[in-house]
Amino acid sequence: MVKVAVINGSPRLEKGSTGLVLGPFLEGLRDHGAEVDLAYASKLKVKPCSCGQLACWYQSPGQCVIKDTMTELYPRLKLANILVLASPVYSPVPGDLQNIINRMVALLDPKLVFRGGRTRARFREDVQIKKLVLVAAGGWWERANVNLLEHIVEELAKNASVEFTGTLFRPHAYAMQTPEGVTPHGEKVLSAFKQAAQELMTMGAFNQKTLDDISQPLLPREMYEEYLG
């Protein structure tokens, strides 16, 4: 069975736009046999990495000297075959999620190598993660607003020597809903997230059409500019 560790970095937990789009993606994973382990960064309240001497590499290999809820998360991450990071897009990385990413340095083996012209590490032998996926939602109109967050997560994957499978990003996510609920266009987007999960489980990759369906404009840019005032 494929094990998927999911970290929702939204401070609004399951109630925000990130939770809205993540829901059908996780449903699709479960429908296709995945065992999903979902954690909320804001509930964990992981402390910042504070060991500039990298004790988790040299003094106590693989063991972080900070004893907090990250201690509970490490074994869950090690068991996962796929890691999904979910995040809103309004700052590069929400603080609680950034702390988790920083503390993942303890999972890296410090035996560095040059790969593709860059210095890289890899996950330790007891870490099963082979793929990293980003799920994100934001209020800004264009897809390019996810680029900085996407770069951070992609670099994390490369530094750990695992596959960055791709980004499922929903721009101007607020347009998916009205006070009455999810719109018909919004339902199509959510169906595309579920389809993406099926593709990940059956093919190990995302179809470009599915990625386009997820990020498709739901209103003209001119209307968005009017909304901005």
C-alpha atoms as a PDB file:
ATOM      1  CA  MET A   1       0.000   0.000   0.000  1.00  0.00           C
ATOM      2  CA  VAL A   2       1.220   3.477  -0.908  1.00  0.00           C
ATOM      3  CA  LYS A   3       1.578   5.683   2.149  1.00  0.00           C
ATOM      4  CA  VAL A   4       1.061   9.418   1.687  1.00  0.00           C
ATOM      5  CA  ALA A   5       2.021  11.980   4.336  1.00  0.00           C
ATOM      6  CA  VAL A   6       0.156  15.270   3.939  1.00  0.00           C
ATOM      7  CA  ILE A   7       0.932  18.504   5.754  1.00  0.00           C
ATOM      8  CA  ASN A   8      -1.677  21.233   5.425  1.00  0.00           C
ATOM      9  CA  GLY A   9       0.131  24.502   6.129  1.00  0.00           C
ATOM     10  CA  SER A  10      -2.951  26.723   6.074  1.00  0.00           C
ATOM     11  CA  PRO A  11      -3.627  28.560   9.366  1.00  0.00           C
ATOM     12  CA  ARG A  12      -7.330  28.119   8.517  1.00  0.00           C
ATOM     13  CA  LEU A  13      -6.905  24.345   8.623  1.00  0.00           C
ATOM     14  CA  GLU A  14      -9.634  22.605   6.567  1.00  0.00           C
ATOM     15  CA  LYS A  15     -11.839  25.717   6.365  1.00  0.00           C
ATOM     16  CA  GLY A  16      -9.759  27.745   3.909  1.00  0.00           C
ATOM     17  CA  SER A  17      -9.320  27.524   0.159  1.00  0.00           C
ATOM     18  CA  THR A  18      -6.333  25.217   0.662  1.00  0.00           C
ATOM     19  CA  GLY A  19      -8.499  22.774   2.590  1.00  0.00           C
ATOM     20  CA  LEU A  20     -11.225  23.064  -0.050  1.00  0.00           C
ATOM     21  CA  VAL A  21      -8.986  21.923  -2.913  1.00  0.00           C
ATOM     22  CA  LEU A  22      -7.002  19.465  -0.806  1.00  0.00           C
ATOM     23  CA  GLY A  23     -10.141  17.558   0.186  1.00  0.00           C
ATOM     24  CA  PRO A  24     -10.964  15.973  -3.198  1.00  0.00           C
ATOM     25  CA  PHE A  25      -7.285  15.299  -3.853  1.00  0.00           C
ATOM     26  CA  LEU A  26      -7.033  13.262  -0.647  1.00  0.00           C
ATOM     27  CA  GLU A  27     -10.351  11.574  -1.438  1.00  0.00           C
ATOM     28  CA  GLY A  28      -8.944  10.541  -4.815  1.00  0.00           C
ATOM     29  CA  LEU A  29      -5.799   9.169  -3.180  1.00  0.00           C
ATOM     30  CA  ARG A  30      -7.842   7.065  -0.765  1.00  0.00           C
ATOM     31  CA  ASP A  31     -10.153   5.865  -3.552  1.00  0.00           C
ATOM     32  CA  HIS A  32      -7.101   4.448  -5.308  1.00  0.00           C
ATOM     33  CA  GLY A  33      -5.727   2.607  -2.324  1.00  0.00           C
ATOM     34  CA  ALA A  34      -3.439   5.128  -0.636  1.00  0.00           C
ATOM     35  CA  GLU A  35      -3.092   5.301   3.121  1.00  0.00           C
ATOM     36  CA  VAL A  36      -3.244   9.030   3.899  1.00  0.00           C
ATOM     37  CA  ASP A  37      -1.735  10.550   7.046  1.00  0.00           C
ATOM     38  CA  LEU A  38      -2.901  14.181   7.344  1.00  0.00           C
ATOM     39  CA  ALA A  39      -1.291  16.691   9.721  1.00  0.00           C
ATOM     40  CA  TYR A  40      -1.973  20.394  10.244  1.00  0.00           C
ATOM     41  CA  ALA A  41       1.097  22.598  10.657  1.00  0.00           C
ATOM     42  CA  SER A  42      -0.770  25.131  12.792  1.00  0.00           C
ATOM     43  CA  LYS A  43      -1.860  22.428  15.239  1.00  0.00           C
ATOM     44  CA  LEU A  44       1.650  20.992  15.551  1.00  0.00           C
ATOM     45  CA  LYS A  45       3.257  24.372  16.330  1.00  0.00           C
ATOM     46  CA  VAL A  46       6.742  23.125  15.489  1.00  0.00           C
ATOM     47  CA  LYS A  47       9.512  25.351  16.827  1.00  0.00           C
ATOM     48  CA  PRO A  48      12.034  26.978  14.451  1.00  0.00           C
ATOM     49  CA  CYS A  49      15.303  25.227  13.705  1.00  0.00           C
ATOM     50  CA  SER A  50      17.841  26.769  16.087  1.00  0.00           C
ATOM     51  CA  CYS A  51      20.929  24.590  15.722  1.00  0.00           C
ATOM     52  CA  GLY A  52      23.319  26.337  13.366  1.00  0.00           C
ATOM     53  CA  GLN A  53      25.939  23.644  14.009  1.00  0.00           C
ATOM     54  CA  LEU A  54      23.690  20.943  12.488  1.00  0.00           C
ATOM     55  CA  ALA A  55      23.764  18.626  15.502  1.00  0.00           C
ATOM     56  CA  CYS A  56      21.224  16.393  13.707  1.00  0.00           C
ATOM     57  CA  TRP A  57      23.912  15.699  11.094  1.00  0.00           C
ATOM     58  CA  TYR A  58      27.067  15.370  13.178  1.00  0.00           C
ATOM     59  CA  GLN A  59      26.486  15.060  16.934  1.00  0.00           C
ATOM     60  CA  SER A  60      23.264  13.001  16.934  1.00  0.00           C
ATOM     61  CA  PRO A  61      22.749  11.839  13.315  1.00  0.00           C
ATOM     62  CA  GLY A  62      19.098  11.906  12.327  1.00  0.00           C
ATOM     63  CA  GLN A  63      17.970  13.123  15.764  1.00  0.00           C
ATOM     64  CA  CYS A  64      16.870  16.728  16.287  1.00  0.00           C
ATOM     65  CA  VAL A  65      17.951  18.244  19.604  1.00  0.00           C
ATOM     66  CA  ILE A  66      14.657  20.164  19.886  1.00  0.00           C
ATOM     67  CA  LYS A  67      11.989  18.082  21.590  1.00  0.00           C
ATOM     68  CA  ASP A  68       8.567  19.207  20.476  1.00  0.00           C
ATOM     69  CA  THR A  69       5.748  17.926  18.230  1.00  0.00           C
ATOM     70  CA  MET A  70       8.200  17.505  15.333  1.00  0.00           C
ATOM     71  CA  THR A  71       9.428  14.455  17.258  1.00  0.00           C
ATOM     72  CA  GLU A  72       5.996  12.901  16.622  1.00  0.00           C
ATOM     73  CA  LEU A  73       6.047  13.893  12.944  1.00  0.00           C
ATOM     74  CA  TYR A  74       9.473  12.477  12.033  1.00  0.00           C
ATOM     75  CA  PRO A  75       8.452   8.787  12.149  1.00  0.00           C
ATOM     76  CA  ARG A  76       5.283   9.530  10.172  1.00  0.00           C
ATOM     77  CA  LEU A  77       7.324  11.223   7.470  1.00  0.00           C
ATOM     78  CA  LYS A  78       9.830   8.375   7.349  1.00  0.00           C
ATOM     79  CA  LEU A  79       7.065   5.849   6.607  1.00  0.00           C
ATOM     80  CA  ALA A  80       5.598   7.840   3.703  1.00  0.00           C
ATOM     81  CA  ASN A  81       6.258   7.024   0.047  1.00  0.00           C
ATOM     82  CA  ILE A  82       4.821  10.361  -1.078  1.00  0.00           C
ATOM     83  CA  LEU A  83       4.945  13.704   0.742  1.00  0.00           C
ATOM     84  CA  VAL A  84       2.272  16.295  -0.056  1.00  0.00           C
ATOM     85  CA  LEU A  85       2.766  19.858   1.143  1.00  0.00           C
ATOM     86  CA  ALA A  86      -0.359  22.005   0.988  1.00  0.00           C
ATOM     87  CA  SER A  87      -0.237  25.762   1.406  1.00  0.00           C
ATOM     88  CA  PRO A  88      -2.041  29.028   0.765  1.00  0.00           C
ATOM     89  CA  VAL A  89      -0.224  31.529  -1.431  1.00  0.00           C
ATOM     90  CA  TYR A  90       0.056  34.953   0.187  1.00  0.00           C
ATOM     91  CA  SER A  91       3.586  34.751   1.579  1.00  0.00           C
ATOM     92  CA  PRO A  92       6.453  32.521   0.451  1.00  0.00           C
ATOM     93  CA  VAL A  93       5.647  29.875   3.099  1.00  0.00           C
ATOM     94  CA  PRO A  94       3.328  30.205   6.149  1.00  0.00           C
ATOM     95  CA  GLY A  95       5.425  30.245   9.317  1.00  0.00           C
ATOM     96  CA  ASP A  96       4.369  26.912  10.851  1.00  0.00           C
ATOM     97  CA  LEU A  97       4.891  25.076   7.558  1.00  0.00           C
ATOM     98  CA  GLN A  98       8.256  26.775   7.051  1.00  0.00           C
ATOM     99  CA  ASN A  99       9.381  25.537  10.468  1.00  0.00           C
ATOM    100  CA  ILE A 100       8.492  21.965   9.504  1.00  0.00           C
ATOM    101  CA  ILE A 101      10.367  22.236   6.209  1.00  0.00           C
ATOM    102  CA  ASN A 102      13.427  23.633   7.995  1.00  0.00           C
ATOM    103  CA  ARG A 103      13.340  20.898  10.633  1.00  0.00           C
ATOM    104  CA  MET A 104      13.273  18.230   7.902  1.00  0.00           C
ATOM    105  CA  VAL A 105      17.035  18.781   7.628  1.00  0.00           C
ATOM    106  CA  ALA A 106      17.337  16.042  10.277  1.00  0.00           C
ATOM    107  CA  LEU A 107      16.007  13.573   7.686  1.00  0.00           C
ATOM    108  CA  LEU A 108      18.847  14.358   5.274  1.00  0.00           C
ATOM    109  CA  ASP A 109      22.089  12.418   5.033  1.00  0.00           C
ATOM    110  CA  PRO A 110      25.020  14.897   5.191  1.00  0.00           C
ATOM    111  CA  LYS A 111      27.021  12.979   2.573  1.00  0.00           C
ATOM    112  CA  LEU A 112      26.896  15.721  -0.045  1.00  0.00           C
ATOM    113  CA  VAL A 113      27.468  15.203  -3.764  1.00  0.00           C
ATOM    114  CA  PHE A 114      27.470  17.354  -6.889  1.00  0.00           C
ATOM    115  CA  ARG A 115      24.452  16.632  -9.063  1.00  0.00           C
ATOM    116  CA  GLY A 116      23.515  18.714 -12.087  1.00  0.00           C
ATOM    117  CA  GLY A 117      26.100  21.300 -11.130  1.00  0.00           C
ATOM    118  CA  ARG A 118      24.671  21.778  -7.624  1.00  0.00           C
ATOM    119  CA  THR A 119      25.620  20.481  -4.185  1.00  0.00           C
ATOM    120  CA  ARG A 120      22.888  18.093  -3.037  1.00  0.00           C
ATOM    121  CA  ALA A 121      22.130  15.740  -0.170  1.00  0.00           C
ATOM    122  CA  ARG A 122      19.607  12.903  -0.005  1.00  0.00           C
ATOM    123  CA  PHE A 123      17.153  11.494   2.495  1.00  0.00           C
ATOM    124  CA  ARG A 124      18.574   9.028   4.991  1.00  0.00           C
ATOM    125  CA  GLU A 125      18.155   5.325   4.269  1.00  0.00           C
ATOM    126  CA  ASP A 126      15.267   4.962   6.736  1.00  0.00           C
ATOM    127  CA  VAL A 127      13.208   7.640   4.929  1.00  0.00           C
ATOM    128  CA  GLN A 128      10.870   6.103   2.334  1.00  0.00           C
ATOM    129  CA  ILE A 129       9.797   9.322   0.553  1.00  0.00           C
ATOM    130  CA  LYS A 130      10.254   9.097  -3.221  1.00  0.00           C
ATOM    131  CA  LYS A 131       7.928  11.835  -4.483  1.00  0.00           C
ATOM    132  CA  LEU A 132       7.038  15.347  -3.357  1.00  0.00           C
ATOM    133  CA  VAL A 133       3.848  17.150  -4.428  1.00  0.00           C
ATOM    134  CA  LEU A 134       2.719  20.733  -3.808  1.00  0.00           C
ATOM    135  CA  VAL A 135      -0.983  21.579  -3.483  1.00  0.00           C
ATOM    136  CA  ALA A 136      -1.712  25.297  -3.233  1.00  0.00           C
ATOM    137  CA  ALA A 137      -4.484  27.867  -3.477  1.00  0.00           C
ATOM    138  CA  GLY A 138      -4.368  31.642  -3.613  1.00  0.00           C
ATOM    139  CA  GLY A 139      -6.461  34.727  -4.137  1.00  0.00           C
ATOM    140  CA  TRP A 140      -4.314  36.380  -6.818  1.00  0.00           C
ATOM    141  CA  TRP A 141      -5.393  36.037 -10.422  1.00  0.00           C
ATOM    142  CA  GLU A 142      -2.503  34.396 -12.269  1.00  0.00           C
ATOM    143  CA  ARG A 143      -0.790  31.040 -11.854  1.00  0.00           C
ATOM    144  CA  ALA A 144       2.653  32.706 -11.711  1.00  0.00           C
ATOM    145  CA  ASN A 145       1.981  33.835  -8.144  1.00  0.00           C
ATOM    146  CA  VAL A 146       2.797  30.316  -6.924  1.00  0.00           C
ATOM    147  CA  ASN A 147       6.281  30.424  -8.495  1.00  0.00           C
ATOM    148  CA  LEU A 148       8.240  31.331  -5.353  1.00  0.00           C
ATOM    149  CA  LEU A 149       6.555  28.703  -3.169  1.00  0.00           C
ATOM    150  CA  GLU A 150       6.916  26.174  -5.969  1.00  0.00           C
ATOM    151  CA  HIS A 151      10.634  26.930  -6.262  1.00  0.00           C
ATOM    152  CA  ILE A 152      11.142  26.363  -2.523  1.00  0.00           C
ATOM    153  CA  VAL A 153       9.368  22.995  -2.575  1.00  0.00           C
ATOM    154  CA  GLU A 154      11.096  21.900  -5.778  1.00  0.00           C
ATOM    155  CA  GLU A 155      14.489  22.763  -4.274  1.00  0.00           C
ATOM    156  CA  LEU A 156      13.568  20.769  -1.170  1.00  0.00           C
ATOM    157  CA  ALA A 157      12.893  17.760  -3.385  1.00  0.00           C
ATOM    158  CA  LYS A 158      16.166  18.183  -5.259  1.00  0.00           C
ATOM    159  CA  ASN A 159      18.162  18.610  -2.051  1.00  0.00           C
ATOM    160  CA  ALA A 160      16.611  15.386  -0.765  1.00  0.00           C
ATOM    161  CA  SER A 161      17.220  13.645  -4.126  1.00  0.00           C
ATOM    162  CA  VAL A 162      13.563  12.738  -4.655  1.00  0.00           C
ATOM    163  CA  GLU A 163      11.168  13.472  -7.510  1.00  0.00           C
ATOM    164  CA  PHE A 164       9.238  16.726  -7.517  1.00  0.00           C
ATOM    165  CA  THR A 165       6.091  15.418  -9.203  1.00  0.00           C
ATOM    166  CA  GLY A 166       4.491  18.826  -9.657  1.00  0.00           C
ATOM    167  CA  THR A 167       2.235  21.602  -8.385  1.00  0.00           C
ATOM    168  CA  LEU A 168      -1.556  21.606  -8.238  1.00  0.00           C
ATOM    169  CA  PHE A 169      -2.351  25.316  -7.908  1.00  0.00           C
ATOM    170  CA  ARG A 170      -5.719  27.053  -7.830  1.00  0.00           C
ATOM    171  CA  PRO A 171      -5.431  30.831  -8.436  1.00  0.00           C
ATOM    172  CA  HIS A 172      -8.238  33.271  -7.458  1.00  0.00           C
ATOM    173  CA  ALA A 173      -9.707  30.413  -5.469  1.00  0.00           C
ATOM    174  CA  TYR A 174     -12.416  32.628  -3.968  1.00  0.00           C
ATOM    175  CA  ALA A 175     -14.148  32.581  -7.387  1.00  0.00           C
ATOM    176  CA  MET A 176     -14.962  28.901  -6.843  1.00  0.00           C
ATOM    177  CA  GLN A 177     -17.619  29.747  -4.257  1.00  0.00           C
ATOM    178  CA  THR A 178     -20.578  31.992  -3.583  1.00  0.00           C
ATOM    179  CA  PRO A 179     -22.487  32.351  -0.291  1.00  0.00           C
ATOM    180  CA  GLU A 180     -24.674  29.500  -1.573  1.00  0.00           C
ATOM    181  CA  GLY A 181     -21.742  27.137  -1.993  1.00  0.00           C
ATOM    182  CA  VAL A 182     -19.311  25.878  -4.633  1.00  0.00           C
ATOM    183  CA  THR A 183     -20.147  27.060  -8.165  1.00  0.00           C
ATOM    184  CA  PRO A 184     -20.487  24.664 -11.144  1.00  0.00           C
ATOM    185  CA  HIS A 185     -17.092  25.874 -12.413  1.00  0.00           C
ATOM    186  CA  GLY A 186     -15.681  25.326  -8.938  1.00  0.00           C
ATOM    187  CA  GLU A 187     -17.011  21.768  -8.910  1.00  0.00           C
ATOM    188  CA  LYS A 188     -15.157  21.091 -12.163  1.00  0.00           C
ATOM    189  CA  VAL A 189     -11.940  22.348 -10.572  1.00  0.00           C
ATOM    190  CA  LEU A 190     -12.455  20.100  -7.547  1.00  0.00           C
ATOM    191  CA  SER A 191     -13.087  17.161  -9.881  1.00  0.00           C
ATOM    192  CA  ALA A 192      -9.767  17.940 -11.564  1.00  0.00           C
ATOM    193  CA  PHE A 193      -8.005  17.734  -8.191  1.00  0.00           C
ATOM    194  CA  LYS A 194      -9.541  14.298  -7.677  1.00  0.00           C
ATOM    195  CA  GLN A 195      -8.471  13.312 -11.184  1.00  0.00           C
ATOM    196  CA  ALA A 196      -4.926  14.443 -10.382  1.00  0.00           C
ATOM    197  CA  ALA A 197      -4.893  12.055  -7.427  1.00  0.00           C
ATOM    198  CA  GLN A 198      -5.926   9.190  -9.692  1.00  0.00           C
ATOM    199  CA  GLU A 199      -3.112  10.053 -12.118  1.00  0.00           C
ATOM    200  CA  LEU A 200      -0.565  10.193  -9.311  1.00  0.00           C
ATOM    201  CA  MET A 201      -1.597   6.776  -8.050  1.00  0.00           C
ATOM    202  CA  THR A 202      -1.880   5.054 -11.440  1.00  0.00           C
ATOM    203  CA  MET A 203       0.793   6.794 -13.549  1.00  0.00           C
ATOM    204  CA  GLY A 204       3.028   8.490 -10.989  1.00  0.00           C
ATOM    205  CA  ALA A 205       2.621  11.831 -12.803  1.00  0.00           C
ATOM    206  CA  PHE A 206       0.043  14.491 -13.696  1.00  0.00           C
ATOM    207  CA  ASN A 207      -1.446  15.083 -17.141  1.00  0.00           C
ATOM    208  CA  GLN A 208      -0.932  18.630 -18.383  1.00  0.00           C
ATOM    209  CA  LYS A 209      -4.641  18.890 -19.191  1.00  0.00           C
ATOM    210  CA  THR A 210      -5.495  18.131 -15.574  1.00  0.00           C
ATOM    211  CA  LEU A 211      -3.051  20.774 -14.357  1.00  0.00           C
ATOM    212  CA  ASP A 212      -4.601  23.261 -16.796  1.00  0.00           C
ATOM    213  CA  ASP A 213      -8.131  22.374 -15.627  1.00  0.00           C
ATOM    214  CA  ILE A 214      -7.084  23.029 -12.032  1.00  0.00           C
ATOM    215  CA  SER A 215      -5.535  26.429 -12.812  1.00  0.00           C
ATOM    216  CA  GLN A 216      -7.966  27.596 -15.509  1.00  0.00           C
ATOM    217  CA  PRO A 217      -9.252  31.186 -15.197  1.00  0.00           C
ATOM    218  CA  LEU A 218     -12.684  31.329 -13.619  1.00  0.00           C
ATOM    219  CA  LEU A 219     -13.237  34.968 -14.490  1.00  0.00           C
ATOM    220  CA  PRO A 220     -11.685  37.435 -16.968  1.00  0.00           C
ATOM    221  CA  ARG A 221      -8.700  39.429 -15.769  1.00  0.00           C
ATOM    222  CA  GLU A 222     -10.649  42.620 -16.435  1.00  0.00           C
ATOM    223  CA  MET A 223     -13.329  41.520 -13.990  1.00  0.00           C
ATOM    224  CA  TYR A 224     -10.649  40.685 -11.424  1.00  0.00           C
ATOM    225  CA  GLU A 225      -9.151  44.178 -11.843  1.00  0.00           C
ATOM    226  CA  GLU A 226     -12.591  45.669 -11.273  1.00  0.00           C
ATOM    227  CA  TYR A 227     -12.920  43.579  -8.123  1.00  0.00           C
ATOM    228  CA  LEU A 228      -9.613  45.055  -6.917  1.00  0.00           C
ATOM    229  CA  GLY A 229     -11.092  48.497  -7.306  1.00  0.00           C
END
